[in-house]
Amino acid sequence: MSKVKNVLLTHSHLDHISHLPFLLNNIINSFDEPVQVYGILPTIEALKEHIFNDIIWPNFLKIPTDERPCVVLNTVDYNDVLDLDGFKVRLVPVQHSIPSTGFIVSSKNTSIGFTGDCYQNDIFWLTLNGLAPVNMLIVDNQYAESEKNISTLAQHYYPALLRKDLLKLNYKPPLFLTNVPPVDNHAIVYEIENELNDWNPTILKTNDFFVLKETEES
């Protein structure tokens, strides 16, 4: 864990920030440089007010000292492009129940598009169309169509709705789905296989990880 230098946060919901406090606690005696955390303003403000407040969790923004904390929170904005250890990270607006961002992570001629938690929108897909094609697309899909009322309230895709948005993309990269429930998922898996069959998507599982490698230029 002490090798972690940068953390990108899409938004402030608990399932997206919950590991950060424990990460900092585990490196407190072994870090060389503060972990740099990046998020849009509402995310950073939520961390300061509701997490690192000495009530929910110690204020690691001042631990071990004010001058040398183990974490620095960096506020970034939509369409910013960060240069992090040789990777370019573009923040892309997405639609969710609270302010959130997707990411396009690039390294020379290889890139990944990631929606984070997401619902029907135009801007993420139009942004992808205006950039070099990504080699891999990771998209949220948490509900089945029978749960579309919850999907609308929580602002997460279900397969039929995702299919409509994928049609906005002018190319077809390999598709990977995140947030698919690991249990009692027969209905949503059935819908994925039928609604998105021409995309042949891969459903991501816990502990899946990917290494960004360069591809040979043709």
C-alpha atoms as a PDB file:
ATOM      1  CA  MET A   1       0.000   0.000   0.000  1.00  0.00           C
ATOM      2  CA  SER A   2       2.906   2.360   0.585  1.00  0.00           C
ATOM      3  CA  LYS A   3       3.450   2.375  -3.190  1.00  0.00           C
ATOM      4  CA  VAL A   4       0.144   4.193  -3.768  1.00  0.00           C
ATOM      5  CA  LYS A   5       0.920   7.766  -4.812  1.00  0.00           C
ATOM      6  CA  ASN A   6      -2.276   9.030  -6.419  1.00  0.00           C
ATOM      7  CA  VAL A   7      -5.960   8.341  -5.818  1.00  0.00           C
ATOM      8  CA  LEU A   8      -8.726   9.423  -8.211  1.00  0.00           C
ATOM      9  CA  LEU A   9     -12.224   9.738  -6.773  1.00  0.00           C
ATOM     10  CA  THR A  10     -15.308   9.901  -8.978  1.00  0.00           C
ATOM     11  CA  HIS A  11     -17.605  11.147  -6.199  1.00  0.00           C
ATOM     12  CA  SER A  12     -18.172  11.004  -2.461  1.00  0.00           C
ATOM     13  CA  HIS A  13     -20.540   8.056  -2.000  1.00  0.00           C
ATOM     14  CA  LEU A  14     -19.291   5.674   0.672  1.00  0.00           C
ATOM     15  CA  ASP A  15     -18.535   2.731  -1.620  1.00  0.00           C
ATOM     16  CA  HIS A  16     -16.119   4.961  -3.532  1.00  0.00           C
ATOM     17  CA  ILE A  17     -14.254   6.524  -0.609  1.00  0.00           C
ATOM     18  CA  SER A  18     -14.448   3.852   2.094  1.00  0.00           C
ATOM     19  CA  HIS A  19     -10.974   2.392   1.542  1.00  0.00           C
ATOM     20  CA  LEU A  20      -9.167   5.737   1.626  1.00  0.00           C
ATOM     21  CA  PRO A  21      -9.190   6.223   5.440  1.00  0.00           C
ATOM     22  CA  PHE A  22      -7.873   2.685   5.970  1.00  0.00           C
ATOM     23  CA  LEU A  23      -5.189   3.138   3.320  1.00  0.00           C
ATOM     24  CA  LEU A  24      -3.907   6.222   5.123  1.00  0.00           C
ATOM     25  CA  ASN A  25      -3.998   4.479   8.473  1.00  0.00           C
ATOM     26  CA  ASN A  26      -1.899   1.628   7.074  1.00  0.00           C
ATOM     27  CA  ILE A  27       0.828   3.855   5.615  1.00  0.00           C
ATOM     28  CA  ILE A  28       1.079   6.398   8.414  1.00  0.00           C
ATOM     29  CA  ASN A  29       4.440   5.040   9.609  1.00  0.00           C
ATOM     30  CA  SER A  30       5.933   4.208   6.227  1.00  0.00           C
ATOM     31  CA  PHE A  31       5.075   6.925   3.685  1.00  0.00           C
ATOM     32  CA  ASP A  32       7.726   9.014   1.934  1.00  0.00           C
ATOM     33  CA  GLU A  33       5.433  11.528   0.256  1.00  0.00           C
ATOM     34  CA  PRO A  34       1.785  12.371   0.960  1.00  0.00           C
ATOM     35  CA  VAL A  35      -0.813  10.460  -1.030  1.00  0.00           C
ATOM     36  CA  GLN A  36      -2.309  12.859  -3.563  1.00  0.00           C
ATOM     37  CA  VAL A  37      -6.093  12.552  -3.770  1.00  0.00           C
ATOM     38  CA  TYR A  38      -7.936  14.154  -6.695  1.00  0.00           C
ATOM     39  CA  GLY A  39     -11.632  14.925  -6.895  1.00  0.00           C
ATOM     40  CA  ILE A  40     -14.104  17.580  -7.938  1.00  0.00           C
ATOM     41  CA  LEU A  41     -15.021  20.241  -5.373  1.00  0.00           C
ATOM     42  CA  PRO A  42     -18.126  18.539  -3.877  1.00  0.00           C
ATOM     43  CA  THR A  43     -16.122  15.345  -3.336  1.00  0.00           C
ATOM     44  CA  ILE A  44     -13.219  17.109  -1.649  1.00  0.00           C
ATOM     45  CA  GLU A  45     -15.552  19.166   0.535  1.00  0.00           C
ATOM     46  CA  ALA A  46     -17.404  16.011   1.610  1.00  0.00           C
ATOM     47  CA  LEU A  47     -14.142  14.347   2.663  1.00  0.00           C
ATOM     48  CA  LYS A  48     -13.115  17.358   4.717  1.00  0.00           C
ATOM     49  CA  GLU A  49     -16.478  17.894   6.372  1.00  0.00           C
ATOM     50  CA  HIS A  50     -17.787  14.374   6.862  1.00  0.00           C
ATOM     51  CA  ILE A  51     -14.814  11.988   6.953  1.00  0.00           C
ATOM     52  CA  PHE A  52     -11.566  13.613   8.091  1.00  0.00           C
ATOM     53  CA  ASN A  53     -13.243  15.567  10.880  1.00  0.00           C
ATOM     54  CA  ASP A  54     -11.973  13.813  14.030  1.00  0.00           C
ATOM     55  CA  ILE A  55     -15.477  12.406  14.533  1.00  0.00           C
ATOM     56  CA  ILE A  56     -15.924   9.804  11.809  1.00  0.00           C
ATOM     57  CA  TRP A  57     -12.150   9.467  11.298  1.00  0.00           C
ATOM     58  CA  PRO A  58      -9.005  11.263  12.456  1.00  0.00           C
ATOM     59  CA  ASN A  59      -8.069  14.299  10.413  1.00  0.00           C
ATOM     60  CA  PHE A  60      -5.269  12.805   8.363  1.00  0.00           C
ATOM     61  CA  LEU A  61      -4.907  16.144   6.598  1.00  0.00           C
ATOM     62  CA  LYS A  62      -2.867  17.118   9.669  1.00  0.00           C
ATOM     63  CA  ILE A  63      -1.367  13.761  10.630  1.00  0.00           C
ATOM     64  CA  PRO A  64       1.370  13.143  11.489  1.00  0.00           C
ATOM     65  CA  THR A  65       1.926  16.936  11.333  1.00  0.00           C
ATOM     66  CA  ASP A  66       0.395  19.979   9.666  1.00  0.00           C
ATOM     67  CA  GLU A  67       3.614  20.460   7.711  1.00  0.00           C
ATOM     68  CA  ARG A  68       3.879  16.824   6.638  1.00  0.00           C
ATOM     69  CA  PRO A  69       0.474  15.165   6.392  1.00  0.00           C
ATOM     70  CA  CYS A  70       0.080  11.713   4.897  1.00  0.00           C
ATOM     71  CA  VAL A  71      -2.558  12.941   2.422  1.00  0.00           C
ATOM     72  CA  VAL A  72      -3.214  16.024   0.327  1.00  0.00           C
ATOM     73  CA  LEU A  73      -6.667  16.668  -1.145  1.00  0.00           C
ATOM     74  CA  ASN A  74      -6.536  18.278  -4.596  1.00  0.00           C
ATOM     75  CA  THR A  75      -9.592  19.953  -6.108  1.00  0.00           C
ATOM     76  CA  VAL A  76      -9.868  19.476  -9.862  1.00  0.00           C
ATOM     77  CA  ASP A  77     -12.599  20.301 -12.352  1.00  0.00           C
ATOM     78  CA  TYR A  78     -14.373  18.781 -15.310  1.00  0.00           C
ATOM     79  CA  ASN A  79     -12.250  18.696 -18.470  1.00  0.00           C
ATOM     80  CA  ASP A  80      -9.019  19.125 -16.515  1.00  0.00           C
ATOM     81  CA  VAL A  81      -6.197  16.897 -17.728  1.00  0.00           C
ATOM     82  CA  LEU A  82      -3.859  15.670 -15.002  1.00  0.00           C
ATOM     83  CA  ASP A  83      -0.333  14.396 -15.601  1.00  0.00           C
ATOM     84  CA  LEU A  84       0.278  11.674 -13.032  1.00  0.00           C
ATOM     85  CA  ASP A  85       3.434   9.580 -13.263  1.00  0.00           C
ATOM     86  CA  GLY A  86       3.344   9.456 -17.048  1.00  0.00           C
ATOM     87  CA  PHE A  87      -0.412   8.980 -17.312  1.00  0.00           C
ATOM     88  CA  LYS A  88      -2.817  11.592 -18.622  1.00  0.00           C
ATOM     89  CA  VAL A  89      -6.131  11.669 -16.770  1.00  0.00           C
ATOM     90  CA  ARG A  90      -9.018  13.658 -18.223  1.00  0.00           C
ATOM     91  CA  LEU A  91     -12.059  14.370 -16.058  1.00  0.00           C
ATOM     92  CA  VAL A  92     -15.325  13.944 -17.948  1.00  0.00           C
ATOM     93  CA  PRO A  93     -18.759  15.011 -16.644  1.00  0.00           C
ATOM     94  CA  VAL A  94     -21.291  12.226 -16.099  1.00  0.00           C
ATOM     95  CA  GLN A  95     -24.849  12.024 -14.790  1.00  0.00           C
ATOM     96  CA  HIS A  96     -25.335  10.646 -11.271  1.00  0.00           C
ATOM     97  CA  SER A  97     -27.415  11.401  -8.179  1.00  0.00           C
ATOM     98  CA  ILE A  98     -24.668  13.680  -6.846  1.00  0.00           C
ATOM     99  CA  PRO A  99     -21.893  15.551  -8.677  1.00  0.00           C
ATOM    100  CA  SER A 100     -19.588  12.945 -10.171  1.00  0.00           C
ATOM    101  CA  THR A 101     -16.939  12.536 -12.819  1.00  0.00           C
ATOM    102  CA  GLY A 102     -15.751   9.882 -15.202  1.00  0.00           C
ATOM    103  CA  PHE A 103     -12.130   9.481 -16.251  1.00  0.00           C
ATOM    104  CA  ILE A 104     -10.184   8.826 -19.409  1.00  0.00           C
ATOM    105  CA  VAL A 105      -6.772   7.479 -18.443  1.00  0.00           C
ATOM    106  CA  SER A 106      -4.149   7.473 -21.191  1.00  0.00           C
ATOM    107  CA  SER A 107      -0.546   6.399 -21.585  1.00  0.00           C
ATOM    108  CA  LYS A 108       0.916   7.250 -24.973  1.00  0.00           C
ATOM    109  CA  ASN A 109      -1.227   5.236 -27.434  1.00  0.00           C
ATOM    110  CA  THR A 110      -3.314   3.271 -24.898  1.00  0.00           C
ATOM    111  CA  SER A 111      -6.335   4.557 -22.991  1.00  0.00           C
ATOM    112  CA  ILE A 112      -9.255   3.495 -20.802  1.00  0.00           C
ATOM    113  CA  GLY A 113     -12.623   5.202 -20.469  1.00  0.00           C
ATOM    114  CA  PHE A 114     -14.388   4.882 -17.106  1.00  0.00           C
ATOM    115  CA  THR A 115     -17.839   6.253 -16.299  1.00  0.00           C
ATOM    116  CA  GLY A 116     -17.835   5.682 -12.565  1.00  0.00           C
ATOM    117  CA  ASP A 117     -21.414   5.565 -11.281  1.00  0.00           C
ATOM    118  CA  CYS A 118     -23.472   6.816 -14.192  1.00  0.00           C
ATOM    119  CA  TYR A 119     -26.921   7.283 -15.724  1.00  0.00           C
ATOM    120  CA  GLN A 120     -28.205   8.321 -19.137  1.00  0.00           C
ATOM    121  CA  ASN A 121     -26.402  11.376 -20.498  1.00  0.00           C
ATOM    122  CA  ASP A 122     -24.875  12.792 -23.656  1.00  0.00           C
ATOM    123  CA  ILE A 123     -21.709  14.529 -22.555  1.00  0.00           C
ATOM    124  CA  PHE A 124     -19.614  11.495 -21.612  1.00  0.00           C
ATOM    125  CA  TRP A 125     -20.253   9.839 -24.964  1.00  0.00           C
ATOM    126  CA  LEU A 126     -19.777  13.017 -26.986  1.00  0.00           C
ATOM    127  CA  THR A 127     -16.497  13.613 -25.180  1.00  0.00           C
ATOM    128  CA  LEU A 128     -15.301  10.113 -26.098  1.00  0.00           C
ATOM    129  CA  ASN A 129     -16.246  10.721 -29.721  1.00  0.00           C
ATOM    130  CA  GLY A 130     -14.086  13.843 -29.772  1.00  0.00           C
ATOM    131  CA  LEU A 131     -10.948  12.080 -28.561  1.00  0.00           C
ATOM    132  CA  ALA A 132      -8.757   9.237 -29.775  1.00  0.00           C
ATOM    133  CA  PRO A 133     -10.621   5.916 -29.402  1.00  0.00           C
ATOM    134  CA  VAL A 134     -10.183   4.212 -26.048  1.00  0.00           C
ATOM    135  CA  ASN A 135      -8.892   0.639 -25.934  1.00  0.00           C
ATOM    136  CA  MET A 136     -11.225  -0.331 -23.121  1.00  0.00           C
ATOM    137  CA  LEU A 137     -14.504   1.056 -21.788  1.00  0.00           C
ATOM    138  CA  ILE A 138     -15.643   0.427 -18.200  1.00  0.00           C
ATOM    139  CA  VAL A 139     -19.283   1.347 -17.591  1.00  0.00           C
ATOM    140  CA  ASP A 140     -21.635   1.232 -14.619  1.00  0.00           C
ATOM    141  CA  ASN A 141     -24.617  -1.143 -14.807  1.00  0.00           C
ATOM    142  CA  GLN A 142     -26.151  -1.844 -11.423  1.00  0.00           C
ATOM    143  CA  TYR A 143     -29.830  -2.611 -11.977  1.00  0.00           C
ATOM    144  CA  ALA A 144     -32.208  -4.690 -14.078  1.00  0.00           C
ATOM    145  CA  GLU A 145     -35.032  -3.048 -16.011  1.00  0.00           C
ATOM    146  CA  SER A 146     -37.529  -4.359 -13.446  1.00  0.00           C
ATOM    147  CA  GLU A 147     -35.750  -2.035 -11.010  1.00  0.00           C
ATOM    148  CA  LYS A 148     -35.813   1.001 -13.278  1.00  0.00           C
ATOM    149  CA  ASN A 149     -37.633   3.120 -10.691  1.00  0.00           C
ATOM    150  CA  ILE A 150     -34.716   2.590  -8.321  1.00  0.00           C
ATOM    151  CA  SER A 151     -32.322   3.024 -11.231  1.00  0.00           C
ATOM    152  CA  THR A 152     -33.819   6.431 -11.977  1.00  0.00           C
ATOM    153  CA  LEU A 153     -33.713   7.541  -8.341  1.00  0.00           C
ATOM    154  CA  ALA A 154     -30.190   6.261  -7.748  1.00  0.00           C
ATOM    155  CA  GLN A 155     -29.016   7.319 -11.245  1.00  0.00           C
ATOM    156  CA  HIS A 156     -27.412   4.043 -12.325  1.00  0.00           C
ATOM    157  CA  TYR A 157     -27.753   2.354 -15.713  1.00  0.00           C
ATOM    158  CA  TYR A 158     -29.791  -0.753 -16.460  1.00  0.00           C
ATOM    159  CA  PRO A 159     -28.950  -2.715 -19.654  1.00  0.00           C
ATOM    160  CA  ALA A 160     -31.652  -1.372 -22.003  1.00  0.00           C
ATOM    161  CA  LEU A 161     -30.850   2.202 -21.008  1.00  0.00           C
ATOM    162  CA  LEU A 162     -27.132   1.636 -21.365  1.00  0.00           C
ATOM    163  CA  ARG A 163     -27.691   0.214 -24.830  1.00  0.00           C
ATOM    164  CA  LYS A 164     -29.306   3.507 -25.888  1.00  0.00           C
ATOM    165  CA  ASP A 165     -26.310   5.483 -24.689  1.00  0.00           C
ATOM    166  CA  LEU A 166     -23.781   3.135 -26.267  1.00  0.00           C
ATOM    167  CA  LEU A 167     -25.419   3.894 -29.623  1.00  0.00           C
ATOM    168  CA  LYS A 168     -24.173   7.473 -29.197  1.00  0.00           C
ATOM    169  CA  LEU A 169     -20.595   6.236 -29.459  1.00  0.00           C
ATOM    170  CA  ASN A 170     -19.224   6.212 -32.997  1.00  0.00           C
ATOM    171  CA  TYR A 171     -16.992   3.170 -32.459  1.00  0.00           C
ATOM    172  CA  LYS A 172     -17.151  -0.034 -30.419  1.00  0.00           C
ATOM    173  CA  PRO A 173     -14.327  -0.613 -27.904  1.00  0.00           C
ATOM    174  CA  PRO A 174     -14.179  -3.683 -25.639  1.00  0.00           C
ATOM    175  CA  LEU A 175     -16.873  -3.195 -22.992  1.00  0.00           C
ATOM    176  CA  PHE A 176     -16.556  -4.060 -19.304  1.00  0.00           C
ATOM    177  CA  LEU A 177     -19.397  -3.650 -16.817  1.00  0.00           C
ATOM    178  CA  THR A 178     -18.962  -2.677 -13.195  1.00  0.00           C
ATOM    179  CA  ASN A 179     -21.373  -2.582 -10.236  1.00  0.00           C
ATOM    180  CA  VAL A 180     -23.215  -5.708 -11.416  1.00  0.00           C
ATOM    181  CA  PRO A 181     -24.396  -7.406  -8.184  1.00  0.00           C
ATOM    182  CA  PRO A 182     -22.317 -10.538  -7.462  1.00  0.00           C
ATOM    183  CA  VAL A 183     -25.301 -12.486  -6.050  1.00  0.00           C
ATOM    184  CA  ASP A 184     -28.988 -12.784  -7.008  1.00  0.00           C
ATOM    185  CA  ASN A 185     -28.044 -11.335 -10.374  1.00  0.00           C
ATOM    186  CA  HIS A 186     -29.857 -13.711 -12.745  1.00  0.00           C
ATOM    187  CA  ALA A 187     -32.240 -11.052 -14.061  1.00  0.00           C
ATOM    188  CA  ILE A 188     -29.588  -8.447 -14.748  1.00  0.00           C
ATOM    189  CA  VAL A 189     -27.187 -10.960 -16.319  1.00  0.00           C
ATOM    190  CA  TYR A 190     -29.995 -12.186 -18.573  1.00  0.00           C
ATOM    191  CA  GLU A 191     -30.722  -8.613 -19.660  1.00  0.00           C
ATOM    192  CA  ILE A 192     -27.041  -7.898 -20.252  1.00  0.00           C
ATOM    193  CA  GLU A 193     -26.750 -10.970 -22.472  1.00  0.00           C
ATOM    194  CA  ASN A 194     -29.805  -9.939 -24.494  1.00  0.00           C
ATOM    195  CA  GLU A 195     -29.652  -6.147 -24.595  1.00  0.00           C
ATOM    196  CA  LEU A 196     -25.882  -5.900 -25.032  1.00  0.00           C
ATOM    197  CA  ASN A 197     -25.183  -9.122 -26.927  1.00  0.00           C
ATOM    198  CA  ASP A 198     -23.629  -7.313 -29.885  1.00  0.00           C
ATOM    199  CA  TRP A 199     -21.103  -5.729 -27.494  1.00  0.00           C
ATOM    200  CA  ASN A 200     -20.116  -9.035 -25.873  1.00  0.00           C
ATOM    201  CA  PRO A 201     -19.441  -7.287 -22.541  1.00  0.00           C
ATOM    202  CA  THR A 202     -17.341  -8.654 -19.705  1.00  0.00           C
ATOM    203  CA  ILE A 203     -18.802  -8.417 -16.202  1.00  0.00           C
ATOM    204  CA  LEU A 204     -16.100  -7.329 -13.784  1.00  0.00           C
ATOM    205  CA  LYS A 205     -15.618  -9.163 -10.507  1.00  0.00           C
ATOM    206  CA  THR A 206     -13.995  -8.369  -7.187  1.00  0.00           C
ATOM    207  CA  ASN A 207     -10.180  -8.391  -7.417  1.00  0.00           C
ATOM    208  CA  ASP A 208     -10.099  -7.930 -11.193  1.00  0.00           C
ATOM    209  CA  PHE A 209      -7.309  -5.548 -12.101  1.00  0.00           C
ATOM    210  CA  PHE A 210      -5.787  -4.195 -15.290  1.00  0.00           C
ATOM    211  CA  VAL A 211      -2.346  -3.002 -16.302  1.00  0.00           C
ATOM    212  CA  LEU A 212      -2.196  -0.213 -18.857  1.00  0.00           C
ATOM    213  CA  LYS A 213       0.245  -1.333 -21.562  1.00  0.00           C
ATOM    214  CA  GLU A 214       1.356   0.227 -24.792  1.00  0.00           C
ATOM    215  CA  THR A 215       0.087  -1.190 -28.074  1.00  0.00           C
ATOM    216  CA  GLU A 216       2.094  -1.476 -31.248  1.00  0.00           C
ATOM    217  CA  GLU A 217       1.260   1.267 -33.677  1.00  0.00           C
ATOM    218  CA  SER A 218       0.127   0.076 -37.085  1.00  0.00           C
END
